[in-house]
Amino acid sequence: MDSQTDAHTGVNYAEDQVHVKTKLRLSSGIAGFAEDKDYARKLRQEKILPLLARGGELVLDFSLVKYATQSFVHALIGEALKKYGEPVLERIEFQHCTPQLQSVIELVVDYSLGGFPAHADTQQKAG
């Protein structure tokens, strides 16, 4: 069964009887700018990590967000990436991302999965 969860109320809306996928529609601050790390942390702890621990699939709907800080995105998904590694990306779908938001998400995914330390080591060896 596909379900959609409003990030503020936690209400699920069933859509399909075949497959379980939970959708979180993220809210933003002023002018579509998401920066509240406490909000992101709460979603991670109360919704995202428990869902992934049960083997569920997640859709993060950014339709209300035009841009987010790196710290917001890291607070939202960083722990899940470190805990479950790259395979968890097969169970997390990012929807309605602006190009700027997509860039921030890719950056957080890269360094959360250890992409930057290996690159930094290569630069140090070359220098």
C-alpha atoms as a PDB file:
ATOM      1  CA  MET A   1       0.000   0.000   0.000  1.00  0.00           C
ATOM      2  CA  ASP A   2       1.385   3.417  -0.914  1.00  0.00           C
ATOM      3  CA  SER A   3       0.748   5.981   1.747  1.00  0.00           C
ATOM      4  CA  GLN A   4       1.395   9.663   2.044  1.00  0.00           C
ATOM      5  CA  THR A   5       2.295  11.214   5.396  1.00  0.00           C
ATOM      6  CA  ASP A   6       1.932  14.894   6.112  1.00  0.00           C
ATOM      7  CA  ALA A   7       5.195  15.815   7.870  1.00  0.00           C
ATOM      8  CA  HIS A   8       3.429  18.072  10.373  1.00  0.00           C
ATOM      9  CA  THR A   9       0.454  15.945  11.344  1.00  0.00           C
ATOM     10  CA  GLY A  10       1.840  12.481  10.660  1.00  0.00           C
ATOM     11  CA  VAL A  11      -1.429  11.520   8.950  1.00  0.00           C
ATOM     12  CA  ASN A  12      -1.106   8.733   6.370  1.00  0.00           C
ATOM     13  CA  TYR A  13      -3.210   8.675   3.216  1.00  0.00           C
ATOM     14  CA  ALA A  14      -3.533   5.244   1.568  1.00  0.00           C
ATOM     15  CA  GLU A  15      -3.351   5.229  -2.222  1.00  0.00           C
ATOM     16  CA  ASP A  16      -2.549   1.705  -3.417  1.00  0.00           C
ATOM     17  CA  GLN A  17      -2.966  -1.810  -2.042  1.00  0.00           C
ATOM     18  CA  VAL A  18       0.163  -3.391  -3.553  1.00  0.00           C
ATOM     19  CA  HIS A  19       3.301  -1.791  -2.146  1.00  0.00           C
ATOM     20  CA  VAL A  20       4.213   0.171   0.991  1.00  0.00           C
ATOM     21  CA  LYS A  21       5.838   3.521   0.301  1.00  0.00           C
ATOM     22  CA  THR A  22       5.587   6.426   2.707  1.00  0.00           C
ATOM     23  CA  LYS A  23       5.638   9.976   1.418  1.00  0.00           C
ATOM     24  CA  LEU A  24       6.747  12.856   3.612  1.00  0.00           C
ATOM     25  CA  ARG A  25       5.895  16.291   2.261  1.00  0.00           C
ATOM     26  CA  LEU A  26       8.496  18.576   3.764  1.00  0.00           C
ATOM     27  CA  SER A  27       7.554  22.041   4.858  1.00  0.00           C
ATOM     28  CA  SER A  28       9.831  25.008   4.475  1.00  0.00           C
ATOM     29  CA  GLY A  29      10.415  28.297   6.164  1.00  0.00           C
ATOM     30  CA  ILE A  30      10.005  31.710   4.625  1.00  0.00           C
ATOM     31  CA  ALA A  31       9.970  31.821   0.811  1.00  0.00           C
ATOM     32  CA  GLY A  32      10.542  28.087   0.424  1.00  0.00           C
ATOM     33  CA  PHE A  33      13.820  28.063   2.369  1.00  0.00           C
ATOM     34  CA  ALA A  34      14.275  25.028   4.660  1.00  0.00           C
ATOM     35  CA  GLU A  35      16.824  25.583   7.401  1.00  0.00           C
ATOM     36  CA  ASP A  36      15.272  24.303  10.635  1.00  0.00           C
ATOM     37  CA  LYS A  37      17.631  21.505  11.730  1.00  0.00           C
ATOM     38  CA  ASP A  38      15.419  20.666  14.717  1.00  0.00           C
ATOM     39  CA  TYR A  39      12.488  19.999  12.383  1.00  0.00           C
ATOM     40  CA  ALA A  40      14.722  17.854  10.142  1.00  0.00           C
ATOM     41  CA  ARG A  41      16.120  15.960  13.150  1.00  0.00           C
ATOM     42  CA  LYS A  42      12.607  15.283  14.472  1.00  0.00           C
ATOM     43  CA  LEU A  43      11.501  13.904  11.096  1.00  0.00           C
ATOM     44  CA  ARG A  44      14.625  11.739  10.960  1.00  0.00           C
ATOM     45  CA  GLN A  45      14.138  10.327  14.453  1.00  0.00           C
ATOM     46  CA  GLU A  46      10.369   9.909  14.430  1.00  0.00           C
ATOM     47  CA  LYS A  47       9.621   9.026  10.801  1.00  0.00           C
ATOM     48  CA  ILE A  48      12.617   8.287   8.580  1.00  0.00           C
ATOM     49  CA  LEU A  49      14.802   6.004  10.700  1.00  0.00           C
ATOM     50  CA  PRO A  50      11.907   3.880  12.071  1.00  0.00           C
ATOM     51  CA  LEU A  51      10.531   3.447   8.542  1.00  0.00           C
ATOM     52  CA  LEU A  52      13.906   2.398   7.126  1.00  0.00           C
ATOM     53  CA  ALA A  53      14.503   0.067  10.093  1.00  0.00           C
ATOM     54  CA  ARG A  54      11.284  -1.747   9.125  1.00  0.00           C
ATOM     55  CA  GLY A  55      12.546  -2.086   5.554  1.00  0.00           C
ATOM     56  CA  GLY A  56      10.111   0.508   4.244  1.00  0.00           C
ATOM     57  CA  GLU A  57      10.529   2.827   1.293  1.00  0.00           C
ATOM     58  CA  LEU A  58      10.406   6.575   1.599  1.00  0.00           C
ATOM     59  CA  VAL A  59       9.504   9.452  -0.698  1.00  0.00           C
ATOM     60  CA  LEU A  60      10.754  12.856   0.417  1.00  0.00           C
ATOM     61  CA  ASP A  61       8.539  15.402  -1.310  1.00  0.00           C
ATOM     62  CA  PHE A  62      10.269  18.781  -1.581  1.00  0.00           C
ATOM     63  CA  SER A  63       7.427  20.475  -3.505  1.00  0.00           C
ATOM     64  CA  LEU A  64       7.147  23.221  -0.860  1.00  0.00           C
ATOM     65  CA  VAL A  65      10.932  23.688  -0.621  1.00  0.00           C
ATOM     66  CA  LYS A  66      12.898  25.759  -3.114  1.00  0.00           C
ATOM     67  CA  TYR A  67      16.219  25.590  -1.268  1.00  0.00           C
ATOM     68  CA  ALA A  68      17.565  23.980   1.900  1.00  0.00           C
ATOM     69  CA  THR A  69      20.742  24.436   3.855  1.00  0.00           C
ATOM     70  CA  GLN A  70      23.319  21.696   3.819  1.00  0.00           C
ATOM     71  CA  SER A  71      22.855  21.285   7.576  1.00  0.00           C
ATOM     72  CA  PHE A  72      19.081  20.787   7.110  1.00  0.00           C
ATOM     73  CA  VAL A  73      19.583  18.040   4.525  1.00  0.00           C
ATOM     74  CA  HIS A  74      22.317  16.434   6.619  1.00  0.00           C
ATOM     75  CA  ALA A  75      20.075  16.437   9.721  1.00  0.00           C
ATOM     76  CA  LEU A  76      17.325  14.876   7.597  1.00  0.00           C
ATOM     77  CA  ILE A  77      19.197  12.006   5.886  1.00  0.00           C
ATOM     78  CA  GLY A  78      22.832  11.904   7.043  1.00  0.00           C
ATOM     79  CA  GLU A  79      22.352   9.357   9.814  1.00  0.00           C
ATOM     80  CA  ALA A  80      20.355   7.012   7.578  1.00  0.00           C
ATOM     81  CA  LEU A  81      23.104   7.150   4.945  1.00  0.00           C
ATOM     82  CA  LYS A  82      25.812   6.388   7.492  1.00  0.00           C
ATOM     83  CA  LYS A  83      23.789   3.626   9.135  1.00  0.00           C
ATOM     84  CA  TYR A  84      22.570   1.824   6.008  1.00  0.00           C
ATOM     85  CA  GLY A  85      25.138   2.901   3.420  1.00  0.00           C
ATOM     86  CA  GLU A  86      24.613   3.459  -0.272  1.00  0.00           C
ATOM     87  CA  PRO A  87      21.971   0.689  -0.683  1.00  0.00           C
ATOM     88  CA  VAL A  88      19.486   2.796   1.312  1.00  0.00           C
ATOM     89  CA  LEU A  89      19.302   5.183  -1.651  1.00  0.00           C
ATOM     90  CA  GLU A  90      17.296   2.501  -3.444  1.00  0.00           C
ATOM     91  CA  ARG A  91      14.618   2.986  -0.749  1.00  0.00           C
ATOM     92  CA  ILE A  92      14.646   6.797  -0.623  1.00  0.00           C
ATOM     93  CA  GLU A  93      13.156   8.828  -3.448  1.00  0.00           C
ATOM     94  CA  PHE A  94      13.606  12.594  -3.657  1.00  0.00           C
ATOM     95  CA  GLN A  95      10.715  14.326  -5.439  1.00  0.00           C
ATOM     96  CA  HIS A  96      10.174  17.863  -6.742  1.00  0.00           C
ATOM     97  CA  CYS A  97      13.722  19.066  -6.115  1.00  0.00           C
ATOM     98  CA  THR A  98      14.902  22.336  -7.615  1.00  0.00           C
ATOM     99  CA  PRO A  99      18.345  22.167  -9.250  1.00  0.00           C
ATOM    100  CA  GLN A 100      19.824  24.017  -6.264  1.00  0.00           C
ATOM    101  CA  LEU A 101      18.233  21.607  -3.807  1.00  0.00           C
ATOM    102  CA  GLN A 102      19.358  18.622  -5.861  1.00  0.00           C
ATOM    103  CA  SER A 103      22.926  19.912  -5.684  1.00  0.00           C
ATOM    104  CA  VAL A 104      22.777  20.190  -1.875  1.00  0.00           C
ATOM    105  CA  ILE A 105      21.304  16.688  -1.560  1.00  0.00           C
ATOM    106  CA  GLU A 106      24.029  15.236  -3.805  1.00  0.00           C
ATOM    107  CA  LEU A 107      26.694  16.970  -1.723  1.00  0.00           C
ATOM    108  CA  VAL A 108      25.300  15.590   1.539  1.00  0.00           C
ATOM    109  CA  VAL A 109      24.925  12.095   0.082  1.00  0.00           C
ATOM    110  CA  ASP A 110      28.503  12.174  -1.188  1.00  0.00           C
ATOM    111  CA  TYR A 111      30.147  13.192   2.052  1.00  0.00           C
ATOM    112  CA  SER A 112      27.817  11.090   4.228  1.00  0.00           C
ATOM    113  CA  LEU A 113      28.876   8.019   2.269  1.00  0.00           C
ATOM    114  CA  GLY A 114      32.531   8.929   2.653  1.00  0.00           C
ATOM    115  CA  GLY A 115      33.049  10.419  -0.797  1.00  0.00           C
ATOM    116  CA  PHE A 116      35.059  13.417   0.325  1.00  0.00           C
ATOM    117  CA  PRO A 117      37.679  11.865   2.643  1.00  0.00           C
ATOM    118  CA  ALA A 118      38.962   9.538  -0.091  1.00  0.00           C
ATOM    119  CA  HIS A 119      39.089  12.470  -2.510  1.00  0.00           C
ATOM    120  CA  ALA A 120      40.954  14.609   0.059  1.00  0.00           C
ATOM    121  CA  ASP A 121      43.526  11.827   0.542  1.00  0.00           C
ATOM    122  CA  THR A 122      44.120  11.726  -3.223  1.00  0.00           C
ATOM    123  CA  GLN A 123      44.701  15.480  -3.301  1.00  0.00           C
ATOM    124  CA  GLN A 124      47.140  15.282  -0.384  1.00  0.00           C
ATOM    125  CA  LYS A 125      49.150  12.528  -2.083  1.00  0.00           C
ATOM    126  CA  ALA A 126      49.274  14.524  -5.314  1.00  0.00           C
ATOM    127  CA  GLY A 127      50.465  17.680  -3.501  1.00  0.00           C
END
